[in-house]
């Protein structure tokens, strides 16, 4: 992903309950070098948030809602797998990065959980979809007594593939300026940008762990080809479930259609499938490394400006 100029951030007054977010502004990139990964004990209050908080757009809101329901189970799975791998890693720097990664992913899962309660209180109970995610990450991809070290490395390879996608999403949400002009709940925008910034910040860790155990490009490509369609399918399934069960939607508008998705992406409220295809092609390169994607400078700048991250550090 070629980056000529990276946006930094400035505080911007929000419109909900006195909340504040951080607004993208153009600035040249300054590389901060290696950063120590740390979990930030953030918290978010959804009591004043409206149902369709993403520019009052039903489809855009539910595309983001799937993130709140899909990723936490995945991130808790990341934590379990990395804890399994940690005793086998002898490189001290990589061990420190893994510990930081575990802390950040555990906090991500916790931070999103409040949206589950928010949706339920609004009359949209997402439990059935969440239970499907629990089955995938706790049962289908869970550790079995008969698992070998190769099974562990296979799961690490899946995580590296998913982290390539989450780093892309993180970079997108940090740099998409149209999000600042849309009517998005400022607390929600801070959540997704804080999460995105940490995904960019730790984007190399899963890849480095995989490389520590297996440097074969064939495995990396094979598992990515398995992961990408599954993520797309489960995300689409989540949006369809939410739109079907949203009590505020008229029955004539419950269907999730391709043209609805394209309309959202054209407005800059979600990445397009073409964006996903382009960034996916980078992962197949022989010279690929996550540090080539996104920008640590942008991530660090947002984390310094994020209202939630600032409150956590205070």
Protein backbone atom coordinates (compact mmCIF):
# COMPACT_ATOMS: atom_id res chain seq x y z
CA UNK A 1 0.00 0.00 0.00
CA UNK A 2 1.85 3.08 -1.23
CA UNK A 3 1.58 5.99 1.20
CA UNK A 4 2.77 9.43 0.10
CA UNK A 5 1.39 11.43 3.01
CA UNK A 6 -0.12 10.22 6.24
CA UNK A 7 -2.84 11.91 8.28
CA UNK A 8 -2.28 12.83 11.88
CA UNK A 9 -5.09 13.87 14.19
CA UNK A 10 -6.52 16.79 16.11
CA UNK A 11 -9.33 16.80 18.68
CA UNK A 12 -12.76 17.49 17.24
CA UNK A 13 -15.92 18.25 19.19
CA UNK A 14 -18.49 15.48 18.92
CA UNK A 15 -22.24 15.74 18.82
CA UNK A 16 -23.35 13.13 21.34
CA UNK A 17 -23.30 13.64 25.10
CA UNK A 18 -20.31 15.95 24.91
CA UNK A 19 -18.18 13.16 23.45
CA UNK A 20 -15.10 13.96 21.43
CA UNK A 21 -13.25 12.13 18.72
CA UNK A 22 -10.13 12.90 16.71
CA UNK A 23 -10.29 14.31 13.21
CA UNK A 24 -7.98 13.39 10.33
CA UNK A 25 -5.65 16.14 9.14
CA UNK A 26 -2.96 15.86 6.47
CA UNK A 27 0.62 15.67 7.72
CA UNK A 28 3.85 14.04 6.51
CA UNK A 29 4.74 10.73 8.08
CA UNK A 30 7.34 10.62 10.85
CA UNK A 31 8.43 7.07 11.67
CA UNK A 32 8.48 6.57 15.46
CA UNK A 33 10.53 3.37 15.16
CA UNK A 34 9.82 0.37 17.35
CA UNK A 35 7.03 0.86 19.87
CA UNK A 36 6.34 -1.10 23.04
CA UNK A 37 2.94 -2.70 22.70
CA UNK A 38 0.69 -1.96 25.63
CA UNK A 39 -2.91 -2.67 26.48
CA UNK A 40 -4.90 0.51 27.10
CA UNK A 41 -7.69 0.11 29.62
CA UNK A 42 -10.30 2.03 27.64
CA UNK A 43 -14.03 2.26 28.31
CA UNK A 44 -16.98 3.52 26.28
CA UNK A 45 -20.47 4.71 27.22
CA UNK A 46 -23.22 3.85 24.74
CA UNK A 47 -26.17 5.20 26.76
CA UNK A 48 -26.72 8.20 24.46
CA UNK A 49 -26.02 6.48 21.14
CA UNK A 50 -28.77 6.22 18.53
CA UNK A 51 -29.63 2.88 16.91
CA UNK A 52 -28.21 3.65 13.47
CA UNK A 53 -25.13 5.49 14.64
CA UNK A 54 -23.13 5.34 11.39
CA UNK A 55 -24.45 8.34 9.42
CA UNK A 56 -28.02 7.15 10.11
CA UNK A 57 -27.39 4.45 7.50
CA UNK A 58 -28.85 1.03 8.35
CA UNK A 59 -26.48 -1.00 6.16
CA UNK A 60 -23.35 0.91 7.20
CA UNK A 61 -24.30 0.60 10.88
CA UNK A 62 -24.85 -3.14 10.67
CA UNK A 63 -21.62 -3.64 8.73
CA UNK A 64 -19.88 -2.08 11.73
CA UNK A 65 -22.07 -3.99 14.20
CA UNK A 66 -20.80 -7.26 12.74
CA UNK A 67 -17.31 -6.18 13.76
CA UNK A 68 -18.50 -5.82 17.35
CA UNK A 69 -19.99 -9.33 17.30
CA UNK A 70 -17.52 -11.21 15.10
CA UNK A 71 -14.13 -9.91 16.22
CA UNK A 72 -14.35 -10.38 20.02
CA UNK A 73 -14.67 -14.16 19.75
CA UNK A 74 -11.85 -14.17 17.20
CA UNK A 75 -9.65 -12.01 19.40
CA UNK A 76 -10.21 -14.19 22.44
CA UNK A 77 -9.18 -17.11 20.23
CA UNK A 78 -6.03 -15.21 19.23
CA UNK A 79 -5.20 -14.83 22.91
CA UNK A 80 -5.64 -18.55 23.61
CA UNK A 81 -3.50 -19.58 20.64
CA UNK A 82 -0.72 -17.09 21.43
CA UNK A 83 -0.65 -18.20 25.07
CA UNK A 84 -0.19 -21.74 23.77
CA UNK A 85 2.70 -20.62 21.54
CA UNK A 86 4.43 -18.32 24.04
CA UNK A 87 6.33 -21.04 26.01
CA UNK A 88 7.83 -22.30 22.73
CA UNK A 89 9.31 -18.89 21.77
CA UNK A 90 12.87 -18.23 22.90
CA UNK A 91 13.42 -14.88 21.17
CA UNK A 92 13.05 -12.29 23.94
CA UNK A 93 11.93 -9.40 21.74
CA UNK A 94 9.33 -11.56 20.04
CA UNK A 95 8.14 -12.78 23.45
CA UNK A 96 7.65 -9.16 24.59
CA UNK A 97 5.73 -8.39 21.42
CA UNK A 98 3.53 -11.46 21.91
CA UNK A 99 2.75 -10.44 25.49
CA UNK A 100 1.82 -6.94 24.28
CA UNK A 101 -0.28 -8.40 21.47
CA UNK A 102 -2.14 -10.65 23.92
CA UNK A 103 -2.90 -7.68 26.18
CA UNK A 104 -4.19 -5.53 23.34
CA UNK A 105 -6.36 -8.26 21.81
CA UNK A 106 -7.88 -9.13 25.19
CA UNK A 107 -8.78 -5.47 25.68
CA UNK A 108 -10.32 -5.29 22.18
CA UNK A 109 -12.63 -8.18 22.94
CA UNK A 110 -13.70 -6.54 26.18
CA UNK A 111 -14.24 -3.08 24.67
CA UNK A 112 -16.65 -4.35 22.02
CA UNK A 113 -18.80 -6.38 24.42
CA UNK A 114 -20.86 -3.34 25.45
CA UNK A 115 -22.33 -3.10 21.94
CA UNK A 116 -23.93 -6.54 22.43
CA UNK A 117 -25.81 -5.13 25.43
CA UNK A 118 -26.61 -1.91 23.53
CA UNK A 119 -28.22 -3.85 20.66
CA UNK A 120 -30.19 -6.09 23.01
CA UNK A 121 -31.54 -3.06 24.88
CA UNK A 122 -32.66 -1.62 21.52
CA UNK A 123 -34.64 -4.77 20.78
CA UNK A 124 -32.10 -6.47 18.49
CA UNK A 125 -30.74 -9.52 20.32
CA UNK A 126 -27.58 -10.71 18.51
CA UNK A 127 -27.14 -13.85 20.64
CA UNK A 128 -27.82 -16.37 17.86
CA UNK A 129 -25.15 -14.88 15.60
CA UNK A 130 -22.68 -14.61 18.49
CA UNK A 131 -23.29 -18.27 19.31
CA UNK A 132 -22.25 -19.16 15.76
CA UNK A 133 -19.01 -17.22 16.26
CA UNK A 134 -18.48 -19.03 19.56
CA UNK A 135 -18.81 -22.39 17.80
CA UNK A 136 -16.30 -21.43 15.11
CA UNK A 137 -13.62 -20.08 17.45
CA UNK A 138 -14.16 -22.25 20.52
CA UNK A 139 -15.06 -25.58 18.94
CA UNK A 140 -14.16 -25.75 15.24
CA UNK A 141 -10.85 -23.90 15.72
CA UNK A 142 -10.31 -24.78 19.37
CA UNK A 143 -7.41 -26.80 20.73
CA UNK A 144 -7.97 -30.55 20.91
CA UNK A 145 -6.18 -33.07 23.18
CA UNK A 146 -4.75 -34.81 20.09
CA UNK A 147 -3.37 -31.61 18.53
CA UNK A 148 0.29 -31.55 17.50
CA UNK A 149 2.72 -28.66 17.17
CA UNK A 150 1.83 -28.56 13.47
CA UNK A 151 -1.79 -27.88 14.43
CA UNK A 152 -0.64 -24.94 16.55
CA UNK A 153 1.38 -23.52 13.65
CA UNK A 154 -1.62 -23.94 11.34
CA UNK A 155 -3.73 -21.86 13.73
CA UNK A 156 -0.96 -19.27 13.94
CA UNK A 157 -1.00 -19.09 10.16
CA UNK A 158 -4.75 -18.42 10.19
CA UNK A 159 -4.18 -15.61 12.70
CA UNK A 160 -1.45 -14.04 10.57
CA UNK A 161 -3.88 -14.03 7.62
CA UNK A 162 -6.67 -12.44 9.67
CA UNK A 163 -4.25 -9.86 11.09
CA UNK A 164 -3.36 -8.78 7.56
CA UNK A 165 -7.05 -7.99 7.04
CA UNK A 166 -7.51 -6.27 10.40
CA UNK A 167 -4.40 -4.13 9.82
CA UNK A 168 -5.86 -3.08 6.46
CA UNK A 169 -9.18 -2.22 8.13
CA UNK A 170 -7.32 -0.33 10.84
CA UNK A 171 -5.39 1.73 8.30
CA UNK A 172 -8.58 2.41 6.35
CA UNK A 173 -10.57 3.67 9.34
CA UNK A 174 -7.67 5.90 10.42
CA UNK A 175 -7.19 7.51 7.00
CA UNK A 176 -10.68 7.69 5.48
CA UNK A 177 -11.46 11.40 5.71
CA UNK A 178 -15.10 10.99 4.71
CA UNK A 179 -15.76 9.44 8.10
CA UNK A 180 -15.08 12.85 9.66
CA UNK A 181 -17.76 14.59 7.59
CA UNK A 182 -20.38 11.88 8.13
CA UNK A 183 -22.86 11.95 11.03
CA UNK A 184 -21.17 9.20 13.03
CA UNK A 185 -21.55 8.88 16.79
CA UNK A 186 -18.21 10.29 18.04
CA UNK A 187 -17.75 7.67 20.76
CA UNK A 188 -18.24 4.90 18.21
CA UNK A 189 -15.82 6.53 15.80
CA UNK A 190 -13.28 6.74 18.60
CA UNK A 191 -13.77 3.05 19.38
CA UNK A 192 -13.22 1.87 15.82
CA UNK A 193 -10.25 4.20 15.32
CA UNK A 194 -8.64 3.28 18.66
CA UNK A 195 -9.06 -0.39 17.75
CA UNK A 196 -7.79 0.24 14.23
CA UNK A 197 -4.75 2.11 15.53
CA UNK A 198 -3.76 -0.80 17.77
CA UNK A 199 -4.26 -3.23 14.88
CA UNK A 200 -1.81 -1.17 12.83
CA UNK A 201 0.52 -0.82 15.81
CA UNK A 202 0.85 -4.60 16.29
CA UNK A 203 0.37 -5.59 12.64
CA UNK A 204 3.72 -7.43 12.35
CA UNK A 205 3.48 -9.63 15.45
CA UNK A 206 1.37 -12.52 14.14
CA UNK A 207 3.42 -12.69 10.94
CA UNK A 208 6.68 -12.70 12.91
CA UNK A 209 5.38 -15.48 15.17
CA UNK A 210 4.42 -17.54 12.12
CA UNK A 211 7.85 -16.94 10.59
CA UNK A 212 9.46 -18.07 13.85
CA UNK A 213 7.80 -21.47 13.49
CA UNK A 214 7.42 -21.81 9.70
CA UNK A 215 8.86 -19.62 6.94
CA UNK A 216 7.16 -21.45 4.09
CA UNK A 217 5.30 -19.10 1.76
CA UNK A 218 3.08 -21.95 0.56
CA UNK A 219 1.45 -22.32 3.98
CA UNK A 220 0.94 -18.58 4.30
CA UNK A 221 -0.81 -18.37 0.92
CA UNK A 222 -2.90 -21.51 1.44
CA UNK A 223 -4.28 -20.41 4.79
CA UNK A 224 -5.04 -16.89 3.52
CA UNK A 225 -7.04 -18.37 0.64
CA UNK A 226 -8.99 -20.34 3.24
CA UNK A 227 -9.49 -17.43 5.62
CA UNK A 228 -10.58 -14.62 3.29
CA UNK A 229 -13.77 -16.25 1.89
CA UNK A 230 -14.78 -17.38 5.38
CA UNK A 231 -14.44 -13.85 6.78
CA UNK A 232 -16.47 -12.40 3.89
CA UNK A 233 -19.17 -15.07 4.24
CA UNK A 234 -19.50 -14.67 8.00
CA UNK A 235 -19.54 -10.86 7.76
CA UNK A 236 -22.29 -10.99 5.13
CA UNK A 237 -24.20 -13.52 7.22
CA UNK A 238 -23.98 -11.17 10.20
CA UNK A 239 -25.33 -8.18 8.28
CA UNK A 240 -28.23 -10.25 6.93
CA UNK A 241 -29.03 -11.49 10.45
CA UNK A 242 -28.99 -7.98 11.92
CA UNK A 243 -31.12 -6.48 9.17
CA UNK A 244 -33.63 -9.32 9.45
CA UNK A 245 -33.97 -8.79 13.20
CA UNK A 246 -33.68 -4.99 13.44
CA UNK A 247 -37.04 -3.89 14.89
CA UNK A 248 -36.73 -0.40 13.41
CA UNK A 249 -36.54 -1.49 9.75
CA UNK A 250 -39.57 -1.68 7.51
CA UNK A 251 -40.11 -5.19 6.12
CA UNK A 252 -39.60 -3.97 2.56
CA UNK A 253 -36.02 -2.92 3.36
CA UNK A 254 -34.74 -5.97 5.26
CA UNK A 255 -32.92 -7.60 2.36
CA UNK A 256 -29.13 -7.02 2.21
CA UNK A 257 -28.29 -6.53 -1.46
CA UNK A 258 -25.05 -6.01 -3.31
CA UNK A 259 -26.10 -2.57 -4.50
CA UNK A 260 -26.73 -1.51 -0.88
CA UNK A 261 -23.20 -2.53 0.03
CA UNK A 262 -21.75 -0.71 -2.96
CA UNK A 263 -23.68 2.45 -2.06
CA UNK A 264 -22.12 2.39 1.41
CA UNK A 265 -18.59 1.92 0.05
CA UNK A 266 -19.04 4.74 -2.49
CA UNK A 267 -19.83 7.08 0.41
CA UNK A 268 -16.63 6.06 2.17
CA UNK A 269 -18.40 4.38 5.08
CA UNK A 270 -16.87 0.93 4.50
CA UNK A 271 -14.04 -0.48 2.34
CA UNK A 272 -15.00 -1.92 -1.04
CA UNK A 273 -14.38 -5.51 -2.09
CA UNK A 274 -11.91 -4.17 -4.65
CA UNK A 275 -9.96 -2.61 -1.78
CA UNK A 276 -9.90 -6.01 -0.06
CA UNK A 277 -8.76 -7.77 -3.24
CA UNK A 278 -5.93 -5.28 -3.77
CA UNK A 279 -4.61 -5.51 -0.23
CA UNK A 280 -4.97 -9.31 -0.28
CA UNK A 281 -2.68 -9.51 -3.31
CA UNK A 282 0.12 -7.94 -1.23
CA UNK A 283 0.04 -10.91 1.16
CA UNK A 284 1.01 -13.30 -1.63
CA UNK A 285 4.22 -11.46 -2.48
CA UNK A 286 7.48 -13.29 -1.83
CA UNK A 287 8.88 -10.14 -0.19
CA UNK A 288 5.77 -9.40 1.89
CA UNK A 289 6.13 -8.03 5.39
CA UNK A 290 3.34 -6.31 7.40
CA UNK A 291 5.55 -3.28 8.05
CA UNK A 292 5.06 -2.41 4.36
CA UNK A 293 1.32 -1.90 5.02
CA UNK A 294 -0.19 1.03 6.88
CA UNK A 295 1.78 3.39 9.10
CA UNK A 296 2.89 3.15 12.71
CA UNK A 297 3.19 6.95 12.77
CA UNK A 298 -0.50 7.35 11.98
CA UNK A 299 -1.47 4.76 14.59
CA UNK A 300 0.66 6.33 17.32
CA UNK A 301 -0.66 9.79 16.45
CA UNK A 302 -4.25 8.65 16.82
CA UNK A 303 -3.59 6.84 20.09
CA UNK A 304 -2.12 10.09 21.43
CA UNK A 305 -5.29 11.97 20.45
CA UNK A 306 -7.99 9.37 21.12
CA UNK A 307 -10.33 10.48 23.93
CA UNK A 308 -10.67 6.92 25.23
CA UNK A 309 -6.93 6.22 25.13
CA UNK A 310 -6.15 9.57 26.79
CA UNK A 311 -8.67 8.88 29.54
CA UNK A 312 -7.15 5.43 30.07
CA UNK A 313 -3.64 6.83 30.40
CA UNK A 314 -4.87 9.49 32.83
